[in-house]
C-alpha cells in the first residue's frame, strides 16, 4: 500500500491503475476501495465504492493458491499484509481482463440501495404490526 506522510490517501497500483483505499476516520477499511481519489472516505459518493469481495469468482479464486506460500512476516500484521496483496492481485486480474470496475461499483451500489430499502420497509411493517397489536416491545425500532 502506498500512503503519504499525512495519511488517509493510500492506494494500490493494479494493472497500471490506482485503486484507492476507503477510510473510516483515519483507518483504511479492510475490503472497501474507490476508483476515484476524491471518493476515498466512507461518507463520500458510494457509487464509486467497491467491495473487493463482490468481484466475480474468476478474479478471486486463483489468488488464494498463489498466495498460499507467501510470507508477510509474523504477528498481527501478517493477515492485513496478505489481504492487501490479495486485493491488489484481484483488481489487477480484473483490470487486465478488461472487467468494467466502474459498472461493477454502480451495480453494487444499486443492489445495496435496493436491499437497504427492502430492510427499511420490513422494519416499518413490523413496527406497524406491533403497534396495531398493542405490543410495546422494546425491539421495535420506533
C-alpha atoms as a PDB file:
ATOM      1  CA  UNK A   1       0.000   0.000   0.000  1.00  0.00           C
ATOM      2  CA  UNK A   2       1.287   3.437  -0.850  1.00  0.00           C
ATOM      3  CA  UNK A   3       0.454   6.194   1.572  1.00  0.00           C
ATOM      4  CA  UNK A   4       1.736   9.703   2.078  1.00  0.00           C
ATOM      5  CA  UNK A   5       3.080  11.004   5.368  1.00  0.00           C
ATOM      6  CA  UNK A   6      -0.178  12.837   6.017  1.00  0.00           C
ATOM      7  CA  UNK A   7      -2.059   9.532   5.706  1.00  0.00           C
ATOM      8  CA  UNK A   8      -5.579   8.703   4.542  1.00  0.00           C
ATOM      9  CA  UNK A   9      -4.722   8.651   0.869  1.00  0.00           C
ATOM     10  CA  UNK A  10      -3.437   5.120   0.406  1.00  0.00           C
ATOM     11  CA  UNK A  11      -3.814   3.330  -2.889  1.00  0.00           C
ATOM     12  CA  UNK A  12      -2.900   0.131  -4.677  1.00  0.00           C
ATOM     13  CA  UNK A  13      -1.366   0.110  -8.148  1.00  0.00           C
ATOM     14  CA  UNK A  14      -3.210  -2.545 -10.099  1.00  0.00           C
ATOM     15  CA  UNK A  15      -2.548  -3.105 -13.776  1.00  0.00           C
ATOM     16  CA  UNK A  16      -1.336   0.479 -14.241  1.00  0.00           C
ATOM     17  CA  UNK A  17      -4.354   1.940 -12.458  1.00  0.00           C
ATOM     18  CA  UNK A  18      -4.722   3.297  -8.935  1.00  0.00           C
ATOM     19  CA  UNK A  19      -7.397   1.811  -6.693  1.00  0.00           C
ATOM     20  CA  UNK A  20      -7.863   3.884  -3.535  1.00  0.00           C
ATOM     21  CA  UNK A  21      -8.485   2.681  -0.006  1.00  0.00           C
ATOM     22  CA  UNK A  22     -11.662   3.994   1.602  1.00  0.00           C
ATOM     23  CA  UNK A  23     -11.102   5.415   5.055  1.00  0.00           C
ATOM     24  CA  UNK A  24     -13.342   5.362   8.091  1.00  0.00           C
ATOM     25  CA  UNK A  25     -11.946   8.279  10.061  1.00  0.00           C
ATOM     26  CA  UNK A  26      -8.169   7.710   9.943  1.00  0.00           C
ATOM     27  CA  UNK A  27      -8.258   3.964   9.272  1.00  0.00           C
ATOM     28  CA  UNK A  28      -8.423   2.160   5.918  1.00  0.00           C
ATOM     29  CA  UNK A  29     -11.427  -0.145   5.617  1.00  0.00           C
ATOM     30  CA  UNK A  30     -10.488  -3.768   5.037  1.00  0.00           C
ATOM     31  CA  UNK A  31     -12.478  -4.642   1.910  1.00  0.00           C
ATOM     32  CA  UNK A  32     -13.705  -1.325   0.521  1.00  0.00           C
ATOM     33  CA  UNK A  33     -11.952   0.605  -2.242  1.00  0.00           C
ATOM     34  CA  UNK A  34     -12.743   3.549  -4.527  1.00  0.00           C
ATOM     35  CA  UNK A  35     -11.976   4.197  -8.167  1.00  0.00           C
ATOM     36  CA  UNK A  36     -11.522   7.923  -7.596  1.00  0.00           C
ATOM     37  CA  UNK A  37      -9.194   9.626  -5.101  1.00  0.00           C
ATOM     38  CA  UNK A  38     -11.967  12.072  -4.173  1.00  0.00           C
ATOM     39  CA  UNK A  39     -14.189   9.163  -3.057  1.00  0.00           C
ATOM     40  CA  UNK A  40     -11.786   7.643  -0.552  1.00  0.00           C
ATOM     41  CA  UNK A  41     -13.816   8.498   2.561  1.00  0.00           C
ATOM     42  CA  UNK A  42     -16.626   6.412   3.983  1.00  0.00           C
ATOM     43  CA  UNK A  43     -19.040   9.338   3.652  1.00  0.00           C
ATOM     44  CA  UNK A  44     -18.066  10.143   0.024  1.00  0.00           C
ATOM     45  CA  UNK A  45     -20.036   9.152  -3.091  1.00  0.00           C
ATOM     46  CA  UNK A  46     -20.886   5.452  -2.625  1.00  0.00           C
ATOM     47  CA  UNK A  47     -21.499   4.952  -6.348  1.00  0.00           C
ATOM     48  CA  UNK A  48     -17.736   4.637  -6.903  1.00  0.00           C
ATOM     49  CA  UNK A  49     -17.068   2.391  -3.900  1.00  0.00           C
ATOM     50  CA  UNK A  50     -16.106  -1.242  -4.466  1.00  0.00           C
ATOM     51  CA  UNK A  51     -16.239  -4.173  -2.076  1.00  0.00           C
ATOM     52  CA  UNK A  52     -13.449  -6.438  -3.313  1.00  0.00           C
ATOM     53  CA  UNK A  53     -15.395  -9.474  -2.026  1.00  0.00           C
ATOM     54  CA  UNK A  54     -18.082  -8.871  -4.671  1.00  0.00           C
ATOM     55  CA  UNK A  55     -15.755  -9.203  -7.667  1.00  0.00           C
ATOM     56  CA  UNK A  56     -16.552 -12.237  -9.836  1.00  0.00           C
ATOM     57  CA  UNK A  57     -15.113 -15.516  -8.558  1.00  0.00           C
ATOM     58  CA  UNK A  58     -12.748 -15.882 -11.523  1.00  0.00           C
ATOM     59  CA  UNK A  59     -10.756 -12.931 -10.130  1.00  0.00           C
ATOM     60  CA  UNK A  60     -10.896 -14.052  -6.503  1.00  0.00           C
ATOM     61  CA  UNK A  61     -10.322 -17.816  -6.521  1.00  0.00           C
ATOM     62  CA  UNK A  62      -6.913 -18.205  -8.252  1.00  0.00           C
ATOM     63  CA  UNK A  63      -5.329 -15.714  -5.872  1.00  0.00           C
ATOM     64  CA  UNK A  64      -5.574 -17.937  -2.798  1.00  0.00           C
ATOM     65  CA  UNK A  65      -3.469 -20.627  -4.467  1.00  0.00           C
ATOM     66  CA  UNK A  66      -0.710 -18.164  -5.457  1.00  0.00           C
ATOM     67  CA  UNK A  67      -0.560 -16.501  -2.045  1.00  0.00           C
ATOM     68  CA  UNK A  68      -0.576 -19.724  -0.041  1.00  0.00           C
ATOM     69  CA  UNK A  69       3.219 -19.789   0.198  1.00  0.00           C
ATOM     70  CA  UNK A  70       3.754 -16.044   0.560  1.00  0.00           C
ATOM     71  CA  UNK A  71       5.384 -14.868   3.774  1.00  0.00           C
ATOM     72  CA  UNK A  72       4.415 -11.414   5.017  1.00  0.00           C
ATOM     73  CA  UNK A  73       6.164 -11.938   8.323  1.00  0.00           C
ATOM     74  CA  UNK A  74       4.805 -12.948  11.675  1.00  0.00           C
ATOM     75  CA  UNK A  75       2.427 -11.245  14.011  1.00  0.00           C
ATOM     76  CA  UNK A  76      -0.900  -9.459  13.722  1.00  0.00           C
ATOM     77  CA  UNK A  77       0.053  -7.553  10.560  1.00  0.00           C
ATOM     78  CA  UNK A  78       0.553 -10.772   8.589  1.00  0.00           C
ATOM     79  CA  UNK A  79      -3.163 -11.157   7.785  1.00  0.00           C
ATOM     80  CA  UNK A  80      -3.517  -7.494   6.793  1.00  0.00           C
ATOM     81  CA  UNK A  81      -0.450  -7.713   4.545  1.00  0.00           C
ATOM     82  CA  UNK A  82      -1.772 -10.849   2.879  1.00  0.00           C
ATOM     83  CA  UNK A  83      -5.201  -9.220   2.381  1.00  0.00           C
ATOM     84  CA  UNK A  84      -3.687  -6.162   0.735  1.00  0.00           C
ATOM     85  CA  UNK A  85      -1.650  -8.275  -1.690  1.00  0.00           C
ATOM     86  CA  UNK A  86      -4.676 -10.464  -2.393  1.00  0.00           C
ATOM     87  CA  UNK A  87      -6.859  -7.437  -3.146  1.00  0.00           C
ATOM     88  CA  UNK A  88      -4.182  -5.903  -5.344  1.00  0.00           C
ATOM     89  CA  UNK A  89      -3.923  -9.098  -7.378  1.00  0.00           C
ATOM     90  CA  UNK A  90      -7.699  -9.430  -7.660  1.00  0.00           C
ATOM     91  CA  UNK A  91      -8.038  -5.902  -9.014  1.00  0.00           C
ATOM     92  CA  UNK A  92      -5.057  -6.426 -11.328  1.00  0.00           C
ATOM     93  CA  UNK A  93      -6.617  -9.574 -12.814  1.00  0.00           C
ATOM     94  CA  UNK A  94      -9.944  -7.804 -13.313  1.00  0.00           C
ATOM     95  CA  UNK A  95      -8.316  -4.784 -14.980  1.00  0.00           C
ATOM     96  CA  UNK A  96      -6.120  -6.902 -17.251  1.00  0.00           C
ATOM     97  CA  UNK A  97      -9.180  -8.916 -18.260  1.00  0.00           C
ATOM     98  CA  UNK A  98     -10.996  -5.709 -19.229  1.00  0.00           C
ATOM     99  CA  UNK A  99     -13.602  -6.008 -16.474  1.00  0.00           C
ATOM    100  CA  UNK A 100     -15.543  -2.747 -16.023  1.00  0.00           C
ATOM    101  CA  UNK A 101     -14.934  -1.833 -12.383  1.00  0.00           C
ATOM    102  CA  UNK A 102     -16.984   1.381 -12.666  1.00  0.00           C
ATOM    103  CA  UNK A 103     -20.037  -0.552 -13.864  1.00  0.00           C
ATOM    104  CA  UNK A 104     -19.466  -3.087 -11.094  1.00  0.00           C
ATOM    105  CA  UNK A 105     -19.387  -0.301  -8.484  1.00  0.00           C
ATOM    106  CA  UNK A 106     -22.588   1.220  -9.872  1.00  0.00           C
ATOM    107  CA  UNK A 107     -24.375  -2.145  -9.890  1.00  0.00           C
ATOM    108  CA  UNK A 108     -23.165  -2.921  -6.387  1.00  0.00           C
ATOM    109  CA  UNK A 109     -24.407   0.461  -5.147  1.00  0.00           C
ATOM    110  CA  UNK A 110     -27.819  -0.119  -6.769  1.00  0.00           C
ATOM    111  CA  UNK A 111     -28.128  -3.603  -5.223  1.00  0.00           C
ATOM    112  CA  UNK A 112     -27.165  -2.328  -1.775  1.00  0.00           C
ATOM    113  CA  UNK A 113     -29.664   0.540  -2.039  1.00  0.00           C
ATOM    114  CA  UNK A 114     -32.426  -1.908  -3.015  1.00  0.00           C
ATOM    115  CA  UNK A 115     -31.513  -4.205  -0.126  1.00  0.00           C
ATOM    116  CA  UNK A 116     -31.496  -1.295   2.301  1.00  0.00           C
ATOM    117  CA  UNK A 117     -34.934  -0.186   1.059  1.00  0.00           C
ATOM    118  CA  UNK A 118     -36.361  -3.718   1.473  1.00  0.00           C
ATOM    119  CA  UNK A 119     -34.974  -3.860   5.020  1.00  0.00           C
ATOM    120  CA  UNK A 120     -36.395  -0.434   5.813  1.00  0.00           C
ATOM    121  CA  UNK A 121     -39.854  -1.442   4.555  1.00  0.00           C
ATOM    122  CA  UNK A 122     -39.738  -4.707   6.530  1.00  0.00           C
ATOM    123  CA  UNK A 123     -38.848  -2.831   9.738  1.00  0.00           C
ATOM    124  CA  UNK A 124     -41.655  -0.352   9.116  1.00  0.00           C
ATOM    125  CA  UNK A 125     -44.159  -3.169   8.534  1.00  0.00           C
ATOM    126  CA  UNK A 126     -43.050  -4.977  11.708  1.00  0.00           C
ATOM    127  CA  UNK A 127     -43.363  -1.776  13.719  1.00  0.00           C
ATOM    128  CA  UNK A 128     -46.832  -1.064  12.280  1.00  0.00           C
ATOM    129  CA  UNK A 129     -47.996  -4.623  13.012  1.00  0.00           C
ATOM    130  CA  UNK A 130     -46.666  -4.388  16.549  1.00  0.00           C
ATOM    131  CA  UNK A 131     -48.430  -1.052  17.070  1.00  0.00           C
ATOM    132  CA  UNK A 132     -51.727  -2.490  15.813  1.00  0.00           C
ATOM    133  CA  UNK A 133     -51.352  -5.491  18.093  1.00  0.00           C
ATOM    134  CA  UNK A 134     -50.665  -3.196  21.049  1.00  0.00           C
ATOM    135  CA  UNK A 135     -47.254  -4.728  21.528  1.00  0.00           C
ATOM    136  CA  UNK A 136     -44.937  -2.248  23.197  1.00  0.00           C
ATOM    137  CA  UNK A 137     -41.906  -4.468  22.856  1.00  0.00           C
ATOM    138  CA  UNK A 138     -38.528  -2.761  23.020  1.00  0.00           C
ATOM    139  CA  UNK A 139     -37.193  -4.441  19.853  1.00  0.00           C
ATOM    140  CA  UNK A 140     -39.404  -2.269  17.619  1.00  0.00           C
ATOM    141  CA  UNK A 141     -37.169   0.479  16.172  1.00  0.00           C
ATOM    142  CA  UNK A 142     -39.626   3.338  16.846  1.00  0.00           C
END
